[in-house]
Protein backbone atom coordinates (compact mmCIF):
# COMPACT_ATOMS: atom_id res chain seq x y z
CA UNK A 1 9.58 -15.69 -8.56
CA UNK A 2 6.96 -15.14 -11.45
CA UNK A 3 7.29 -17.38 -15.45
CA UNK A 4 7.11 -15.29 -18.16
CA UNK A 5 3.20 -16.68 -18.69
CA UNK A 6 1.84 -14.56 -15.76
CA UNK A 7 3.40 -11.23 -16.45
CA UNK A 8 1.65 -11.90 -19.50
CA UNK A 9 -1.57 -13.08 -18.17
CA UNK A 10 -1.76 -10.10 -16.09
CA UNK A 11 0.17 -7.81 -18.45
CA UNK A 12 -3.71 -8.63 -20.40
CA UNK A 13 -5.33 -7.26 -17.81
CA UNK A 14 -4.16 -3.48 -17.28
CA UNK A 15 -6.65 -1.91 -17.95
CA UNK A 16 -9.60 -4.10 -17.67
CA UNK A 17 -12.64 -2.96 -15.95
CA UNK A 18 -13.22 -2.67 -12.01
CA UNK A 19 -16.73 -2.30 -10.51
CA UNK A 20 -16.90 0.43 -7.96
CA UNK A 21 -15.91 -0.25 -4.90
CA UNK A 22 -14.27 1.50 -2.79
CA UNK A 23 -11.77 -1.25 0.43
CA UNK A 24 -10.16 2.65 2.43
CA UNK A 25 -12.48 5.37 3.53
CA UNK A 26 -9.47 7.64 5.80
CA UNK A 27 -9.41 9.49 8.65
CA UNK A 28 -7.67 12.50 9.67
CA UNK A 29 -5.52 10.13 11.40
CA UNK A 30 -4.52 8.27 8.09
CA UNK A 31 -3.91 11.98 6.79
CA UNK A 32 -1.54 13.45 9.88
CA UNK A 33 0.35 9.41 9.26
CA UNK A 34 1.28 9.99 5.53
CA UNK A 35 2.41 13.81 6.35
CA UNK A 36 5.08 13.30 8.39
CA UNK A 37 6.86 11.51 5.27
CA UNK A 38 8.58 13.60 2.95
CA UNK A 39 9.30 10.92 -0.04
CA UNK A 40 6.60 10.87 -3.48
CA UNK A 41 4.23 8.14 -2.22
CA UNK A 42 2.68 5.25 -4.88
CA UNK A 43 -0.67 4.14 -4.10
CA UNK A 44 -0.76 0.63 -6.07
CA UNK A 45 -3.96 -0.94 -6.56
CA UNK A 46 -5.27 2.55 -6.38
CA UNK A 47 -8.96 1.83 -7.41
CA UNK A 48 -10.85 5.49 -8.29
CA UNK A 49 -8.72 7.59 -7.25
CA UNK A 50 -9.96 7.99 -3.03
CA UNK A 51 -6.20 7.45 -0.84
CA UNK A 52 -4.09 9.54 -3.82
CA UNK A 53 -6.73 11.84 -4.31
CA UNK A 54 -6.74 12.69 -0.28
CA UNK A 55 -3.12 12.47 -0.19
CA UNK A 56 -2.98 15.06 -2.80
CA UNK A 57 -5.43 17.79 -1.48
CA UNK A 58 -3.17 17.42 2.10
CA UNK A 59 0.71 18.56 0.37
CA UNK A 60 1.69 15.03 -0.55
CA UNK A 61 3.43 14.38 -4.25
CA UNK A 62 1.43 11.20 -5.43
CA UNK A 63 0.20 8.78 -8.12
CA UNK A 64 -1.91 6.17 -8.35
CA UNK A 65 -1.80 3.17 -9.88
CA UNK A 66 -3.85 0.36 -10.65
CA UNK A 67 -4.33 -2.56 -13.22
CA UNK A 68 -8.56 -1.96 -13.51
CA UNK A 69 -10.10 1.63 -15.09
CA UNK A 70 -12.55 2.16 -11.93
CA UNK A 71 -16.30 2.58 -13.48
CA UNK A 72 -16.04 6.16 -11.41
CA UNK A 73 -12.88 7.81 -10.88
CA UNK A 74 -12.40 10.49 -8.30
CA UNK A 75 -9.05 10.92 -9.41
CA UNK A 76 -5.91 10.11 -12.19
CA UNK A 77 -4.69 6.60 -12.39
CA UNK A 78 -2.77 5.25 -14.34
CA UNK A 79 -2.92 2.21 -15.44
CA UNK A 80 -0.07 -0.18 -14.70
CA UNK A 81 0.10 -3.62 -12.72
CA UNK A 82 2.39 -2.96 -9.10
CA UNK A 83 4.38 -5.99 -9.78
CA UNK A 84 6.61 -4.91 -12.12
CA UNK A 85 5.93 -0.98 -12.21
CA UNK A 86 9.51 1.27 -12.42
CA UNK A 87 9.12 2.70 -9.36
CA UNK A 88 11.94 5.52 -8.76
CA UNK A 89 14.42 4.74 -6.45
CA UNK A 90 13.44 6.31 -2.92
CA UNK A 91 9.73 6.47 -3.02
CA UNK A 92 7.37 5.18 -0.78
CA UNK A 93 4.98 1.94 -2.40
CA UNK A 94 1.76 2.32 -0.77
CA UNK A 95 -1.05 -0.89 -0.29
CA UNK A 96 -4.15 0.32 1.15
CA UNK A 97 -6.55 -2.38 1.32
CA UNK A 98 -5.09 -5.15 -1.67
CA UNK A 99 -7.02 -8.27 -2.75
CA UNK A 100 -5.25 -11.24 -0.70
CA UNK A 101 -3.64 -13.63 -1.55
CA UNK A 102 0.29 -13.41 -4.15
CA UNK A 103 -0.42 -9.63 -4.99
CA UNK A 104 0.84 -7.80 -1.64
CA UNK A 105 4.52 -10.04 -1.41
CA UNK A 106 5.41 -9.36 -5.21
CA UNK A 107 5.55 -5.63 -4.83
CA UNK A 108 6.71 -5.31 -2.31
CA UNK A 109 9.54 -7.96 -3.78
CA UNK A 110 9.38 -5.64 -6.68
CA UNK A 111 9.86 -2.66 -4.79
CA UNK A 112 12.51 -4.06 -3.12
CA UNK A 113 14.03 -4.82 -6.18
CA UNK A 114 13.52 -0.95 -7.33
CA UNK A 115 15.15 0.20 -3.59
CA UNK A 116 12.25 1.83 -2.87
CA UNK A 117 12.55 3.95 0.62
CA UNK A 118 9.48 1.81 2.48
CA UNK A 119 6.54 -0.05 2.11
CA UNK A 120 3.05 0.79 3.74
CA UNK A 121 0.65 -1.21 4.01
CA UNK A 122 -2.81 -0.40 4.91
CA UNK A 123 -4.78 -2.94 6.16
CA UNK A 124 -6.97 -4.79 8.98
CA UNK A 125 -5.65 -6.73 11.94
CA UNK A 126 -7.04 -9.81 10.50
CA UNK A 127 -5.45 -9.73 6.96
CA UNK A 128 -2.17 -8.29 7.72
CA UNK A 129 -0.22 -11.59 8.22
CA UNK A 130 -1.82 -13.05 4.71
CA UNK A 131 -1.57 -10.22 3.01
CA UNK A 132 2.10 -9.72 3.25
CA UNK A 133 3.09 -13.47 3.99
CA UNK A 134 6.57 -13.93 4.61
CA UNK A 135 7.14 -10.11 5.50
CA UNK A 136 5.67 -9.92 7.76
CA UNK A 137 8.16 -9.41 10.43
CA UNK A 138 10.11 -6.83 8.67
CA UNK A 139 6.80 -4.87 9.43
CA UNK A 140 5.83 -3.21 12.48
CA UNK A 141 3.08 -0.87 13.01
CA UNK A 142 3.33 2.66 12.97
CA UNK A 143 -0.24 3.71 12.72
CA UNK A 144 -3.37 2.89 14.72
CA UNK A 145 -7.86 3.51 13.63
CA UNK A 146 -6.69 5.16 10.45
CA UNK A 147 -10.06 4.61 8.18
CA UNK A 148 -13.43 3.97 8.84
CA UNK A 149 -12.90 0.01 8.76
CA UNK A 150 -10.75 0.50 11.59
CA UNK A 151 -7.52 0.18 9.83
CA UNK A 152 -3.73 0.46 10.73
CA UNK A 153 -0.53 1.03 8.99
CA UNK A 154 2.63 -1.22 8.83
CA UNK A 155 5.67 -0.04 7.74
CA UNK A 156 8.53 -1.18 6.64
CA UNK A 157 12.15 0.93 5.45
CA UNK A 158 14.63 -0.45 3.08
CA UNK A 159 16.25 3.42 2.20
CA UNK A 160 16.91 6.41 3.65
CA UNK A 161 14.61 7.48 6.44
CA UNK A 162 11.74 10.03 4.64
CA UNK A 163 9.89 11.11 7.61
CA UNK A 164 9.18 14.96 7.91
CA UNK A 165 8.82 15.43 12.12
CA UNK A 166 10.99 12.83 14.30
CA UNK A 167 12.48 10.33 11.78
CA UNK A 168 12.24 7.52 15.18
CA UNK A 169 9.59 7.87 15.91
CA UNK A 170 7.14 6.78 13.05
CA UNK A 171 4.46 5.94 15.69
CA UNK A 172 0.73 8.39 15.66
CA UNK A 173 -1.40 7.59 18.56
CA UNK A 174 -0.55 3.60 20.35
CA UNK A 175 0.78 0.94 18.16
CA UNK A 176 2.51 -2.05 18.87
CA UNK A 177 4.70 -4.24 16.94
CA UNK A 178 2.27 -7.24 15.13
CA UNK A 179 2.42 -10.82 17.00
CA UNK A 180 3.04 -13.16 14.64
CA UNK A 181 0.37 -16.33 14.60
CA UNK A 182 -0.55 -19.43 12.53
CA UNK A 183 -1.12 -18.04 8.76
CA UNK A 184 -4.97 -18.69 8.27
CA UNK A 185 -5.95 -19.00 4.61
CA UNK A 186 -9.57 -18.37 4.96
CA UNK A 187 -8.79 -14.71 6.61
CA UNK A 188 -10.17 -12.42 3.72
CA UNK A 189 -11.69 -8.74 4.04
């Protein structure tokens, strides 16, 4: 549990400017998987909004949130802290290539507390264990090669299934369960 001091420090960072990096460049496989979902998507750490825009262009209900203002936004992103955001019940919380450290786990804690339906993690195999930490066993890899960097999608179901097509099969392409190895402190994007 985070203390009040840490929460106040994070709130003070909301709206500060961030550079112009793009960490995730989605491929059609990403959109193909995402269009199987039938719930609003909150893109946490949306940056300039490229992924949020991709989702909206595909006909999905999506909102991007980020603590930092991006130098060159391409889509509207709400300034907010994903670790204490009031996620709507039954939405999908998505983390694409998050910063490493406790952030992803804190967002997942908040998503669980707010009773979202699922959490998606989009990232690199080498980072998934460090980013998801103790939550990793609750996630299942559901899609591979969804981004130019070779990213995959891991999914943790928490509530009602929101899948437009086959609610029993969430896989796109070949996907297997994650293998839990020892956490490497230095494995970053």
